[in-house]
Amino acid sequence: TVFDSLNHDMTLTEFKFIWYMEYSHRMWGRFVGLAYILPAAYFWQKGWLSRPMKVCVLALCGLVCFQGLLGWYMVKSGLEEKPDSYDIPRVSQYRLAAHLGSALVLYSASLWTGLSLLLPRHKLPETRQLLRLRQCAHCTTALIFLTALSGAFVAGLDAGLVYNSFPKMGERWIPDDLLAFSPVLRNIFENPTTVQFDHRILGITSVTAVIALYLFSRKIPLPHRTRMAVTSLLVVACMQ
């Protein structure tokens, strides 16, 4: 069992700490679900939702339920007996990445919907520079999302424990065991060294993209709200 192979010396107090952490996470997730579903049902019954908003609300509520289902599916993978494996019991890194990814999509969609209702959209001339800025912003968003997903693979494989030096990994820029698994594609998702290496590269690339986006935005006349958003993105990226 997981207890025999990993936590055989755990005290009751230590177990209670982990148990309450997990219990709090589950209860908070259920509270979030109710915070979506109950007001949505009330507003729907009152007739306060337009047809497009009804579609949006259904999608958000469905995503909340899907997020909870993914969480259960992820935890289940850590409790499955693997008689042929001598590895430390852990949840599937694939399911962990899916759980995190769906949470990011849910949060982003919720924020986008809320801001769209609260703040009117700026009417800006569709210049070539503005279109390029919008394209760069979308590409940067996708890059940040991919970096976050790669972080889930780092956590799922405990890949952060393999090398703890930066910018080099140990004494080398490129580790010897980067492509140790066969076939080669397995290394991207299952080799802790490769997973940490990819996460480092993606993180550096994401910060570089954010800085480039900020510098590019300085050349374009933008509303105060947009400029504040780009500046805030730069500050958060540097802090991260």
Protein backbone atom coordinates (compact mmCIF):
# COMPACT_ATOMS: atom_id res chain seq x y z
CA THR A 1 0.00 0.00 0.00
CA VAL A 2 0.95 3.68 -0.21
CA PHE A 3 1.38 3.76 3.59
CA ASP A 4 3.75 0.78 3.67
CA SER A 5 5.97 1.97 0.81
CA LEU A 6 6.16 5.69 1.64
CA ASN A 7 4.69 6.82 4.97
CA HIS A 8 5.17 3.89 7.36
CA ASP A 9 6.68 6.19 10.02
CA MET A 10 3.98 8.88 9.80
CA THR A 11 2.40 9.94 13.10
CA LEU A 12 -1.32 10.51 13.60
CA THR A 13 -0.76 14.27 13.86
CA GLU A 14 1.11 14.33 10.53
CA PHE A 15 -1.65 12.30 8.89
CA LYS A 16 -4.32 14.68 10.21
CA PHE A 17 -2.46 17.65 8.69
CA ILE A 18 -2.45 16.06 5.23
CA TRP A 19 -6.04 14.88 5.63
CA TYR A 20 -7.32 18.37 6.54
CA MET A 21 -5.38 19.90 3.63
CA GLU A 22 -7.09 17.52 1.21
CA TYR A 23 -10.48 17.89 2.90
CA SER A 24 -10.26 21.71 2.78
CA HIS A 25 -9.34 21.59 -0.90
CA ARG A 26 -12.33 19.40 -1.71
CA MET A 27 -14.76 21.49 0.34
CA TRP A 28 -13.45 24.69 -1.23
CA GLY A 29 -13.95 23.17 -4.67
CA ARG A 30 -17.56 22.31 -3.79
CA PHE A 31 -18.09 25.84 -2.46
CA VAL A 32 -16.79 27.25 -5.76
CA GLY A 33 -19.22 25.01 -7.64
CA LEU A 34 -22.15 26.28 -5.56
CA ALA A 35 -20.94 29.86 -6.04
CA TYR A 36 -21.38 29.32 -9.79
CA ILE A 37 -24.48 27.16 -9.95
CA LEU A 38 -26.79 28.72 -7.32
CA PRO A 39 -26.56 32.36 -8.54
CA ALA A 40 -26.77 31.13 -12.16
CA ALA A 41 -30.01 29.26 -11.38
CA TYR A 42 -31.42 32.30 -9.57
CA PHE A 43 -30.58 34.75 -12.37
CA TRP A 44 -31.92 32.30 -14.96
CA GLN A 45 -35.22 31.92 -13.08
CA LYS A 46 -35.54 35.71 -12.76
CA GLY A 47 -35.05 36.12 -16.51
CA TRP A 48 -32.01 38.35 -16.11
CA LEU A 49 -29.84 36.42 -18.58
CA SER A 50 -29.80 37.07 -22.32
CA ARG A 51 -29.61 34.15 -24.72
CA PRO A 52 -25.83 34.51 -25.32
CA MET A 53 -25.28 34.84 -21.56
CA LYS A 54 -27.29 31.66 -20.93
CA VAL A 55 -24.92 29.77 -23.24
CA CYS A 56 -21.94 31.29 -21.44
CA VAL A 57 -23.35 30.44 -17.99
CA LEU A 58 -24.08 26.85 -19.02
CA ALA A 59 -20.53 26.49 -20.34
CA LEU A 60 -19.01 27.87 -17.13
CA CYS A 61 -21.16 25.69 -14.88
CA GLY A 62 -20.35 22.66 -17.02
CA LEU A 63 -16.66 23.46 -16.79
CA VAL A 64 -16.92 23.70 -12.99
CA CYS A 65 -18.46 20.22 -12.83
CA PHE A 66 -15.86 18.88 -15.27
CA GLN A 67 -13.09 20.36 -13.12
CA GLY A 68 -14.39 18.48 -10.08
CA LEU A 69 -14.63 15.25 -12.06
CA LEU A 70 -11.05 15.67 -13.27
CA GLY A 71 -9.91 16.21 -9.68
CA TRP A 72 -11.48 12.92 -8.61
CA TYR A 73 -9.97 11.16 -11.64
CA MET A 74 -6.53 12.59 -10.80
CA VAL A 75 -6.61 11.56 -7.12
CA LYS A 76 -7.81 8.08 -8.11
CA SER A 77 -4.60 7.53 -10.10
CA GLY A 78 -2.53 7.98 -6.95
CA LEU A 79 -4.44 5.28 -5.09
CA GLU A 80 -4.14 2.55 -7.71
CA GLU A 81 -1.96 -0.42 -6.78
CA LYS A 82 0.99 -0.95 -9.15
CA PRO A 83 2.56 -4.29 -8.21
CA ASP A 84 5.21 -4.10 -10.94
CA SER A 85 6.38 -0.62 -9.96
CA TYR A 86 8.91 0.27 -7.27
CA ASP A 87 8.41 3.99 -7.69
CA ILE A 88 6.99 6.29 -5.01
CA PRO A 89 3.17 6.34 -5.28
CA ARG A 90 2.01 9.54 -6.97
CA VAL A 91 -0.85 10.82 -9.09
CA SER A 92 -0.56 10.69 -12.87
CA GLN A 93 1.26 13.72 -14.22
CA TYR A 94 -1.04 13.65 -17.24
CA ARG A 95 -4.16 13.90 -15.07
CA LEU A 96 -2.53 16.55 -12.88
CA ALA A 97 -1.78 18.66 -15.97
CA ALA A 98 -5.36 18.21 -17.20
CA HIS A 99 -6.72 19.24 -13.79
CA LEU A 100 -4.55 22.36 -13.69
CA GLY A 101 -5.23 23.21 -17.33
CA SER A 102 -9.00 23.04 -16.90
CA ALA A 103 -8.72 25.22 -13.77
CA LEU A 104 -6.80 27.85 -15.74
CA VAL A 105 -9.38 27.76 -18.55
CA LEU A 106 -12.22 28.09 -16.04
CA TYR A 107 -10.55 31.00 -14.25
CA SER A 108 -9.69 32.79 -17.50
CA ALA A 109 -13.18 32.33 -18.93
CA SER A 110 -14.76 33.57 -15.69
CA LEU A 111 -12.52 36.64 -15.57
CA TRP A 112 -13.10 37.40 -19.26
CA THR A 113 -16.89 37.10 -18.85
CA GLY A 114 -16.94 39.27 -15.74
CA LEU A 115 -14.76 42.00 -17.23
CA SER A 116 -16.80 41.96 -20.46
CA LEU A 117 -19.94 42.71 -18.43
CA LEU A 118 -18.37 45.31 -16.12
CA LEU A 119 -16.14 47.23 -18.53
CA PRO A 120 -17.17 48.47 -21.98
CA ARG A 121 -14.87 47.47 -24.81
CA HIS A 122 -12.64 50.23 -26.16
CA LYS A 123 -13.35 51.29 -29.74
CA LEU A 124 -9.85 51.52 -31.20
CA PRO A 125 -8.86 51.98 -34.85
CA GLU A 126 -7.79 48.63 -36.29
CA THR A 127 -4.29 49.69 -37.29
CA ARG A 128 -1.62 47.21 -38.39
CA GLN A 129 0.32 47.82 -35.18
CA LEU A 130 -2.73 47.13 -33.00
CA LEU A 131 -3.48 43.90 -34.85
CA ARG A 132 0.13 42.77 -34.39
CA LEU A 133 -0.03 43.65 -30.69
CA ARG A 134 -3.20 41.60 -30.30
CA GLN A 135 -1.58 38.64 -32.09
CA CYS A 136 1.50 38.91 -29.86
CA ALA A 137 -0.73 39.01 -26.78
CA HIS A 138 -2.54 35.84 -27.88
CA CYS A 139 0.75 34.05 -28.57
CA THR A 140 2.14 35.13 -25.19
CA THR A 141 -1.02 33.85 -23.48
CA ALA A 142 -0.65 30.46 -25.16
CA LEU A 143 3.03 30.31 -24.17
CA ILE A 144 2.25 31.10 -20.52
CA PHE A 145 -0.49 28.46 -20.50
CA LEU A 146 1.92 25.87 -21.92
CA THR A 147 4.53 26.84 -19.31
CA ALA A 148 2.01 26.35 -16.51
CA LEU A 149 1.06 22.92 -17.87
CA SER A 150 4.71 21.94 -18.01
CA GLY A 151 4.90 22.92 -14.34
CA ALA A 152 2.22 20.34 -13.59
CA PHE A 153 4.46 17.67 -15.14
CA VAL A 154 7.34 18.90 -12.97
CA ALA A 155 5.16 18.57 -9.87
CA GLY A 156 3.72 15.21 -10.89
CA LEU A 157 7.15 13.66 -11.44
CA ASP A 158 8.93 15.49 -8.57
CA ALA A 159 11.21 16.73 -11.36
CA GLY A 160 12.14 19.81 -9.34
CA LEU A 161 14.24 17.57 -7.09
CA VAL A 162 16.49 16.30 -9.91
CA TYR A 163 18.56 19.48 -10.36
CA ASN A 164 18.53 22.47 -8.01
CA SER A 165 21.10 24.71 -9.72
CA PHE A 166 20.44 27.52 -12.21
CA PRO A 167 21.10 28.43 -14.96
CA LYS A 168 23.08 25.21 -15.46
CA MET A 169 21.65 21.81 -14.55
CA GLY A 170 24.41 20.41 -12.39
CA GLU A 171 27.65 21.15 -14.21
CA ARG A 172 26.15 21.14 -17.70
CA TRP A 173 23.92 23.35 -19.80
CA ILE A 174 22.32 20.28 -21.38
CA PRO A 175 22.16 17.20 -19.10
CA ASP A 176 23.46 13.82 -20.31
CA ASP A 177 20.19 12.00 -19.52
CA LEU A 178 17.97 14.42 -21.44
CA LEU A 179 16.93 11.71 -23.94
CA ALA A 180 17.46 8.62 -21.76
CA PHE A 181 13.98 7.14 -22.37
CA SER A 182 12.87 5.26 -25.46
CA PRO A 183 11.01 6.14 -27.61
CA VAL A 184 12.29 9.72 -27.63
CA LEU A 185 8.81 11.27 -27.28
CA ARG A 186 8.43 9.68 -23.81
CA ASN A 187 11.16 11.95 -22.47
CA ILE A 188 8.99 15.06 -22.89
CA PHE A 189 6.31 13.75 -20.52
CA GLU A 190 7.96 11.06 -18.38
CA ASN A 191 11.68 11.82 -17.99
CA PRO A 192 12.09 14.10 -14.92
CA THR A 193 15.28 15.65 -16.32
CA THR A 194 13.66 16.52 -19.66
CA VAL A 195 10.50 17.76 -17.97
CA GLN A 196 12.50 20.15 -15.76
CA PHE A 197 14.66 21.24 -18.72
CA ASP A 198 11.56 21.99 -20.84
CA HIS A 199 9.94 23.90 -17.98
CA ARG A 200 13.05 26.06 -17.57
CA ILE A 201 13.19 26.84 -21.30
CA LEU A 202 9.46 27.60 -21.44
CA GLY A 203 9.70 29.83 -18.36
CA ILE A 204 12.58 31.85 -19.77
CA THR A 205 10.80 32.12 -23.13
CA SER A 206 7.57 33.26 -21.45
CA VAL A 207 9.32 36.04 -19.52
CA THR A 208 11.13 37.12 -22.69
CA ALA A 209 7.83 37.19 -24.59
CA VAL A 210 6.18 39.30 -21.88
CA ILE A 211 9.07 41.79 -21.92
CA ALA A 212 8.90 41.99 -25.73
CA LEU A 213 5.12 42.50 -25.56
CA TYR A 214 5.57 45.32 -23.05
CA LEU A 215 8.25 47.06 -25.14
CA PHE A 216 6.14 46.73 -28.28
CA SER A 217 3.09 48.15 -26.49
CA ARG A 218 5.06 51.28 -25.56
CA LYS A 219 5.26 52.20 -29.24
CA ILE A 220 1.46 52.22 -29.67
CA PRO A 221 -1.04 54.77 -28.29
CA LEU A 222 -3.20 52.67 -25.95
CA PRO A 223 -5.94 53.45 -23.42
CA HIS A 224 -4.88 53.77 -19.78
CA ARG A 225 -6.61 50.52 -18.83
CA THR A 226 -4.78 48.54 -21.50
CA ARG A 227 -1.43 50.06 -20.58
CA MET A 228 -2.02 49.21 -16.93
CA ALA A 229 -2.80 45.60 -17.90
CA VAL A 230 0.41 45.22 -19.92
CA THR A 231 2.50 46.80 -17.14
CA SER A 232 0.90 44.55 -14.54
CA LEU A 233 1.66 41.53 -16.71
CA LEU A 234 5.33 42.51 -16.83
CA VAL A 235 5.51 43.00 -13.03
CA VAL A 236 3.84 39.64 -12.31
CA ALA A 237 6.04 37.82 -14.84
CA CYS A 238 9.21 39.19 -13.20
CA MET A 239 7.93 38.29 -9.73
CA GLN A 240 7.07 34.77 -10.90
